[in-house]
Amino acid sequence: MALPHERSHTTPTGRTDSTGGDVLRIILAILLPPLGVFFQVGFGMHFWINIVLTLLGYIPGIIHAIWVIARR
């Protein structure tokens, strides 16, 4: 049985909306963008793209990280 803060809801478009984990990942994405992406997708292509974007500029890394997290 899931705790109330761990439940996911289905949106009208059929996407699953998770609140607790996504909020933590977005906070991590703001503080350290590659870490937020890692917790979302692991060591995939988006993680390495985010490393490069963060090295080129902190803001592009944050934007990409939030996009990867929200896209799910």
PDB file of N, CA and C in Angstrom:
ATOM      1  N   MET A   1       0.845  -1.183   0.000  1.00  0.00           N
ATOM      2  CA  MET A   1       0.000   0.000   0.000  1.00  0.00           C
ATOM      3  C   MET A   1       0.887   1.241   0.000  1.00  0.00           C
ATOM      4  N   ALA A   2       0.615   2.141  -0.916  1.00  0.00           N
ATOM      5  CA  ALA A   2       1.419   3.363  -1.039  1.00  0.00           C
ATOM      6  C   ALA A   2       0.948   4.409  -0.039  1.00  0.00           C
ATOM      7  N   LEU A   3       1.884   5.175   0.442  1.00  0.00           N
ATOM      8  CA  LEU A   3       1.540   6.284   1.318  1.00  0.00           C
ATOM      9  C   LEU A   3       0.904   7.387   0.489  1.00  0.00           C
ATOM     10  N   PRO A   4       0.087   8.238   1.095  1.00  0.00           N
ATOM     11  CA  PRO A   4      -0.602   9.286   0.324  1.00  0.00           C
ATOM     12  C   PRO A   4       0.332  10.183  -0.469  1.00  0.00           C
ATOM     13  N   HIS A   5       1.501  10.500   0.055  1.00  0.00           N
ATOM     14  CA  HIS A   5       2.408  11.387  -0.669  1.00  0.00           C
ATOM     15  C   HIS A   5       3.167  10.649  -1.768  1.00  0.00           C
ATOM     16  N   GLU A   6       3.046   9.323  -1.857  1.00  0.00           N
ATOM     17  CA  GLU A   6       3.731   8.549  -2.884  1.00  0.00           C
ATOM     18  C   GLU A   6       2.814   8.134  -4.022  1.00  0.00           C
ATOM     19  N   ARG A   7       1.546   8.430  -3.915  1.00  0.00           N
ATOM     20  CA  ARG A   7       0.612   8.030  -4.954  1.00  0.00           C
ATOM     21  C   ARG A   7       0.810   8.844  -6.209  1.00  0.00           C
ATOM     22  N   SER A   8       0.595   8.200  -7.356  1.00  0.00           N
ATOM     23  CA  SER A   8       0.625   8.932  -8.611  1.00  0.00           C
ATOM     24  C   SER A   8      -0.797   9.036  -9.140  1.00  0.00           C
ATOM     25  N   HIS A   9      -1.029  10.085  -9.857  1.00  0.00           N
ATOM     26  CA  HIS A   9      -2.342  10.332 -10.424  1.00  0.00           C
ATOM     27  C   HIS A   9      -2.233  10.344 -11.931  1.00  0.00           C
ATOM     28  N   THR A  10      -3.280   9.882 -12.593  1.00  0.00           N
ATOM     29  CA  THR A  10      -3.295   9.912 -14.050  1.00  0.00           C
ATOM     30  C   THR A  10      -3.987  11.181 -14.502  1.00  0.00           C
ATOM     31  N   THR A  11      -3.335  11.906 -15.390  1.00  0.00           N
ATOM     32  CA  THR A  11      -3.893  13.149 -15.913  1.00  0.00           C
ATOM     33  C   THR A  11      -4.841  12.833 -17.069  1.00  0.00           C
ATOM     34  N   PRO A  12      -5.634  13.798 -17.527  1.00  0.00           N
ATOM     35  CA  PRO A  12      -6.542  13.539 -18.644  1.00  0.00           C
ATOM     36  C   PRO A  12      -5.825  13.083 -19.919  1.00  0.00           C
ATOM     37  N   THR A  13      -4.553  13.410 -20.064  1.00  0.00           N
ATOM     38  CA  THR A  13      -3.820  12.976 -21.253  1.00  0.00           C
ATOM     39  C   THR A  13      -3.252  11.577 -21.086  1.00  0.00           C
ATOM     40  N   GLY A  14      -3.473  10.966 -19.936  1.00  0.00           N
ATOM     41  CA  GLY A  14      -3.001   9.607 -19.703  1.00  0.00           C
ATOM     42  C   GLY A  14      -1.614   9.533 -19.088  1.00  0.00           C
ATOM     43  N   ARG A  15      -1.001  10.673 -18.816  1.00  0.00           N
ATOM     44  CA  ARG A  15       0.325  10.689 -18.207  1.00  0.00           C
ATOM     45  C   ARG A  15       0.207  10.490 -16.706  1.00  0.00           C
ATOM     46  N   THR A  16       1.214   9.882 -16.112  1.00  0.00           N
ATOM     47  CA  THR A  16       1.243   9.706 -14.667  1.00  0.00           C
ATOM     48  C   THR A  16       1.898  10.924 -14.042  1.00  0.00           C
ATOM     49  N   ASP A  17       1.245  11.477 -13.030  1.00  0.00           N
ATOM     50  CA  ASP A  17       1.743  12.684 -12.375  1.00  0.00           C
ATOM     51  C   ASP A  17       2.190  12.323 -10.967  1.00  0.00           C
ATOM     52  N   SER A  18       3.493  12.345 -10.726  1.00  0.00           N
ATOM     53  CA  SER A  18       4.042  12.050  -9.409  1.00  0.00           C
ATOM     54  C   SER A  18       4.476  13.364  -8.772  1.00  0.00           C
ATOM     55  N   THR A  19       4.169  13.545  -7.505  1.00  0.00           N
ATOM     56  CA  THR A  19       4.464  14.828  -6.881  1.00  0.00           C
ATOM     57  C   THR A  19       5.731  14.815  -6.040  1.00  0.00           C
ATOM     58  N   GLY A  20       5.878  13.886  -5.132  1.00  0.00           N
ATOM     59  CA  GLY A  20       6.990  13.905  -4.189  1.00  0.00           C
ATOM     60  C   GLY A  20       8.348  13.737  -4.815  1.00  0.00           C
ATOM     61  N   GLY A  21       8.514  12.726  -5.641  1.00  0.00           N
ATOM     62  CA  GLY A  21       9.813  12.463  -6.258  1.00  0.00           C
ATOM     63  C   GLY A  21      10.209  13.528  -7.247  1.00  0.00           C
ATOM     64  N   ASP A  22       9.250  14.041  -8.004  1.00  0.00           N
ATOM     65  CA  ASP A  22       9.557  15.069  -8.992  1.00  0.00           C
ATOM     66  C   ASP A  22      10.001  16.363  -8.326  1.00  0.00           C
ATOM     67  N   VAL A  23       9.391  16.705  -7.221  1.00  0.00           N
ATOM     68  CA  VAL A  23       9.781  17.933  -6.507  1.00  0.00           C
ATOM     69  C   VAL A  23      11.228  17.819  -6.040  1.00  0.00           C
ATOM     70  N   LEU A  24      11.600  16.673  -5.494  1.00  0.00           N
ATOM     71  CA  LEU A  24      12.981  16.465  -5.049  1.00  0.00           C
ATOM     72  C   LEU A  24      13.941  16.534  -6.225  1.00  0.00           C
ATOM     73  N   ARG A  25      13.592  15.905  -7.346  1.00  0.00           N
ATOM     74  CA  ARG A  25      14.467  15.939  -8.522  1.00  0.00           C
ATOM     75  C   ARG A  25      14.590  17.351  -9.085  1.00  0.00           C
ATOM     76  N   ILE A  26      13.528  18.143  -9.056  1.00  0.00           N
ATOM     77  CA  ILE A  26      13.605  19.516  -9.554  1.00  0.00           C
ATOM     78  C   ILE A  26      14.489  20.369  -8.647  1.00  0.00           C
ATOM     79  N   ILE A  27      14.386  20.167  -7.341  1.00  0.00           N
ATOM     80  CA  ILE A  27      15.268  20.894  -6.411  1.00  0.00           C
ATOM     81  C   ILE A  27      16.726  20.514  -6.685  1.00  0.00           C
ATOM     82  N   LEU A  28      16.988  19.217  -6.874  1.00  0.00           N
ATOM     83  CA  LEU A  28      18.342  18.781  -7.204  1.00  0.00           C
ATOM     84  C   LEU A  28      18.792  19.358  -8.547  1.00  0.00           C
ATOM     85  N   ALA A  29      17.860  19.450  -9.503  1.00  0.00           N
ATOM     86  CA  ALA A  29      18.193  19.995 -10.822  1.00  0.00           C
ATOM     87  C   ALA A  29      18.586  21.460 -10.742  1.00  0.00           C
ATOM     88  N   ILE A  30      18.012  22.182  -9.814  1.00  0.00           N
ATOM     89  CA  ILE A  30      18.365  23.596  -9.648  1.00  0.00           C
ATOM     90  C   ILE A  30      19.728  23.723  -8.962  1.00  0.00           C
ATOM     91  N   LEU A  31      19.978  22.885  -7.971  1.00  0.00           N
ATOM     92  CA  LEU A  31      21.246  22.950  -7.238  1.00  0.00           C
ATOM     93  C   LEU A  31      22.400  22.350  -8.035  1.00  0.00           C
ATOM     94  N   LEU A  32      22.171  21.181  -8.618  1.00  0.00           N
ATOM     95  CA  LEU A  32      23.201  20.479  -9.387  1.00  0.00           C
ATOM     96  C   LEU A  32      22.498  19.721 -10.517  1.00  0.00           C
ATOM     97  N   PRO A  33      22.348  20.358 -11.679  1.00  0.00           N
ATOM     98  CA  PRO A  33      21.532  19.801 -12.759  1.00  0.00           C
ATOM     99  C   PRO A  33      21.833  18.351 -13.145  1.00  0.00           C
ATOM    100  N   PRO A  34      23.094  17.924 -13.286  1.00  0.00           N
ATOM    101  CA  PRO A  34      23.314  16.524 -13.671  1.00  0.00           C
ATOM    102  C   PRO A  34      22.791  15.514 -12.648  1.00  0.00           C
ATOM    103  N   LEU A  35      22.782  15.892 -11.381  1.00  0.00           N
ATOM    104  CA  LEU A  35      22.282  14.975 -10.355  1.00  0.00           C
ATOM    105  C   LEU A  35      20.775  14.763 -10.498  1.00  0.00           C
ATOM    106  N   GLY A  36      20.037  15.826 -10.778  1.00  0.00           N
ATOM    107  CA  GLY A  36      18.602  15.691 -11.009  1.00  0.00           C
ATOM    108  C   GLY A  36      18.300  14.817 -12.212  1.00  0.00           C
ATOM    109  N   VAL A  37      19.080  14.978 -13.291  1.00  0.00           N
ATOM    110  CA  VAL A  37      18.894  14.158 -14.493  1.00  0.00           C
ATOM    111  C   VAL A  37      19.272  12.711 -14.201  1.00  0.00           C
ATOM    112  N   PHE A  38      20.343  12.507 -13.456  1.00  0.00           N
ATOM    113  CA  PHE A  38      20.761  11.144 -13.118  1.00  0.00           C
ATOM    114  C   PHE A  38      19.661  10.400 -12.377  1.00  0.00           C
ATOM    115  N   PHE A  39      19.034  11.052 -11.396  1.00  0.00           N
ATOM    116  CA  PHE A  39      17.973  10.388 -10.644  1.00  0.00           C
ATOM    117  C   PHE A  39      16.737  10.122 -11.503  1.00  0.00           C
ATOM    118  N   GLN A  40      16.601  10.843 -12.603  1.00  0.00           N
ATOM    119  CA  GLN A  40      15.456  10.641 -13.495  1.00  0.00           C
ATOM    120  C   GLN A  40      15.731   9.539 -14.517  1.00  0.00           C
ATOM    121  N   VAL A  41      16.904   9.586 -15.175  1.00  0.00           N
ATOM    122  CA  VAL A  41      17.150   8.671 -16.295  1.00  0.00           C
ATOM    123  C   VAL A  41      18.396   7.805 -16.128  1.00  0.00           C
ATOM    124  N   GLY A  42      19.189   8.002 -15.097  1.00  0.00           N
ATOM    125  CA  GLY A  42      20.410   7.220 -14.929  1.00  0.00           C
ATOM    126  C   GLY A  42      21.523   7.743 -15.828  1.00  0.00           C
ATOM    127  N   PHE A  43      22.477   6.859 -16.142  1.00  0.00           N
ATOM    128  CA  PHE A  43      23.617   7.245 -16.975  1.00  0.00           C
ATOM    129  C   PHE A  43      23.260   7.111 -18.451  1.00  0.00           C
ATOM    130  N   GLY A  44      22.219   7.763 -18.881  1.00  0.00           N
ATOM    131  CA  GLY A  44      21.802   7.719 -20.280  1.00  0.00           C
ATOM    132  C   GLY A  44      22.341   8.904 -21.061  1.00  0.00           C
ATOM    133  N   MET A  45      21.845   9.017 -22.277  1.00  0.00           N
ATOM    134  CA  MET A  45      22.284  10.085 -23.169  1.00  0.00           C
ATOM    135  C   MET A  45      21.969  11.463 -22.579  1.00  0.00           C
ATOM    136  N   HIS A  46      20.795  11.616 -21.964  1.00  0.00           N
ATOM    137  CA  HIS A  46      20.414  12.919 -21.411  1.00  0.00           C
ATOM    138  C   HIS A  46      21.329  13.332 -20.255  1.00  0.00           C
ATOM    139  N   PHE A  47      21.840  12.369 -19.502  1.00  0.00           N
ATOM    140  CA  PHE A  47      22.773  12.694 -18.425  1.00  0.00           C
ATOM    141  C   PHE A  47      24.039  13.336 -18.993  1.00  0.00           C
ATOM    142  N   TRP A  48      24.599  12.741 -20.040  1.00  0.00           N
ATOM    143  CA  TRP A  48      25.841  13.257 -20.622  1.00  0.00           C
ATOM    144  C   TRP A  48      25.603  14.584 -21.334  1.00  0.00           C
ATOM    145  N   ILE A  49      24.443  14.737 -21.975  1.00  0.00           N
ATOM    146  CA  ILE A  49      24.099  16.023 -22.583  1.00  0.00           C
ATOM    147  C   ILE A  49      24.036  17.097 -21.511  1.00  0.00           C
ATOM    148  N   ASN A  50      23.457  16.744 -20.372  1.00  0.00           N
ATOM    149  CA  ASN A  50      23.335  17.712 -19.289  1.00  0.00           C
ATOM    150  C   ASN A  50      24.689  18.080 -18.703  1.00  0.00           C
ATOM    151  N   ILE A  51      25.599  17.126 -18.617  1.00  0.00           N
ATOM    152  CA  ILE A  51      26.958  17.428 -18.141  1.00  0.00           C
ATOM    153  C   ILE A  51      27.586  18.486 -19.049  1.00  0.00           C
ATOM    154  N   VAL A  52      27.482  18.284 -20.360  1.00  0.00           N
ATOM    155  CA  VAL A  52      28.079  19.232 -21.316  1.00  0.00           C
ATOM    156  C   VAL A  52      27.401  20.594 -21.200  1.00  0.00           C
ATOM    157  N   LEU A  53      26.059  20.616 -21.136  1.00  0.00           N
ATOM    158  CA  LEU A  53      25.345  21.890 -21.031  1.00  0.00           C
ATOM    159  C   LEU A  53      25.693  22.623 -19.738  1.00  0.00           C
ATOM    160  N   THR A  54      25.835  21.885 -18.655  1.00  0.00           N
ATOM    161  CA  THR A  54      26.180  22.515 -17.376  1.00  0.00           C
ATOM    162  C   THR A  54      27.599  23.074 -17.417  1.00  0.00           C
ATOM    163  N   LEU A  55      28.509  22.388 -18.083  1.00  0.00           N
ATOM    164  CA  LEU A  55      29.868  22.904 -18.208  1.00  0.00           C
ATOM    165  C   LEU A  55      29.919  24.148 -19.096  1.00  0.00           C
ATOM    166  N   LEU A  56      29.046  24.196 -20.108  1.00  0.00           N
ATOM    167  CA  LEU A  56      29.006  25.357 -20.994  1.00  0.00           C
ATOM    168  C   LEU A  56      28.301  26.548 -20.347  1.00  0.00           C
ATOM    169  N   GLY A  57      27.406  26.262 -19.433  1.00  0.00           N
ATOM    170  CA  GLY A  57      26.686  27.323 -18.737  1.00  0.00           C
ATOM    171  C   GLY A  57      25.698  26.718 -17.765  1.00  0.00           C
ATOM    172  N   TYR A  58      25.676  27.232 -16.580  1.00  0.00           N
ATOM    173  CA  TYR A  58      24.846  26.667 -15.522  1.00  0.00           C
ATOM    174  C   TYR A  58      23.353  26.722 -15.869  1.00  0.00           C
ATOM    175  N   ILE A  59      22.893  27.832 -16.437  1.00  0.00           N
ATOM    176  CA  ILE A  59      21.469  28.009 -16.757  1.00  0.00           C
ATOM    177  C   ILE A  59      20.994  27.006 -17.820  1.00  0.00           C
ATOM    178  N   PRO A  60      21.736  26.787 -18.923  1.00  0.00           N
ATOM    179  CA  PRO A  60      21.286  25.768 -19.880  1.00  0.00           C
ATOM    180  C   PRO A  60      21.190  24.375 -19.249  1.00  0.00           C
ATOM    181  N   GLY A  61      22.083  24.077 -18.323  1.00  0.00           N
ATOM    182  CA  GLY A  61      22.024  22.790 -17.618  1.00  0.00           C
ATOM    183  C   GLY A  61      20.760  22.667 -16.789  1.00  0.00           C
ATOM    184  N   ILE A  62      20.380  23.758 -16.106  1.00  0.00           N
ATOM    185  CA  ILE A  62      19.152  23.742 -15.299  1.00  0.00           C
ATOM    186  C   ILE A  62      17.929  23.583 -16.193  1.00  0.00           C
ATOM    187  N   ILE A  63      17.879  24.327 -17.290  1.00  0.00           N
ATOM    188  CA  ILE A  63      16.726  24.257 -18.197  1.00  0.00           C
ATOM    189  C   ILE A  63      16.583  22.844 -18.751  1.00  0.00           C
ATOM    190  N   HIS A  64      17.677  22.256 -19.188  1.00  0.00           N
ATOM    191  CA  HIS A  64      17.625  20.898 -19.724  1.00  0.00           C
ATOM    192  C   HIS A  64      17.195  19.900 -18.659  1.00  0.00           C
ATOM    193  N   ALA A  65      17.726  20.030 -17.450  1.00  0.00           N
ATOM    194  CA  ALA A  65      17.384  19.101 -16.377  1.00  0.00           C
ATOM    195  C   ALA A  65      15.897  19.167 -16.036  1.00  0.00           C
ATOM    196  N   ILE A  66      15.359  20.364 -15.931  1.00  0.00           N
ATOM    197  CA  ILE A  66      13.932  20.503 -15.617  1.00  0.00           C
ATOM    198  C   ILE A  66      13.087  19.970 -16.767  1.00  0.00           C
ATOM    199  N   TRP A  67      13.532  20.179 -17.999  1.00  0.00           N
ATOM    200  CA  TRP A  67      12.813  19.643 -19.162  1.00  0.00           C
ATOM    201  C   TRP A  67      12.784  18.119 -19.129  1.00  0.00           C
ATOM    202  N   VAL A  68      13.923  17.483 -18.807  1.00  0.00           N
ATOM    203  CA  VAL A  68      13.981  16.020 -18.745  1.00  0.00           C
ATOM    204  C   VAL A  68      13.054  15.505 -17.646  1.00  0.00           C
ATOM    205  N   ILE A  69      13.043  16.154 -16.508  1.00  0.00           N
ATOM    206  CA  ILE A  69      12.197  15.703 -15.394  1.00  0.00           C
ATOM    207  C   ILE A  69      10.726  15.909 -15.708  1.00  0.00           C
ATOM    208  N   ALA A  70      10.368  17.064 -16.263  1.00  0.00           N
ATOM    209  CA  ALA A  70       8.959  17.362 -16.546  1.00  0.00           C
ATOM    210  C   ALA A  70       8.427  16.554 -17.733  1.00  0.00           C
ATOM    211  N   ARG A  71       9.303  16.155 -18.638  1.00  0.00           N
ATOM    212  CA  ARG A  71       8.910  15.406 -19.832  1.00  0.00           C
ATOM    213  C   ARG A  71       8.355  14.037 -19.494  1.00  0.00           C
ATOM    214  N   ARG A  72       8.776  13.469 -18.413  1.00  0.00           N
ATOM    215  CA  ARG A  72       8.313  12.135 -18.012  1.00  0.00           C
ATOM    216  C   ARG A  72       6.849  12.221 -17.752  1.00  0.00           C
TER     217      ARG A  72
END
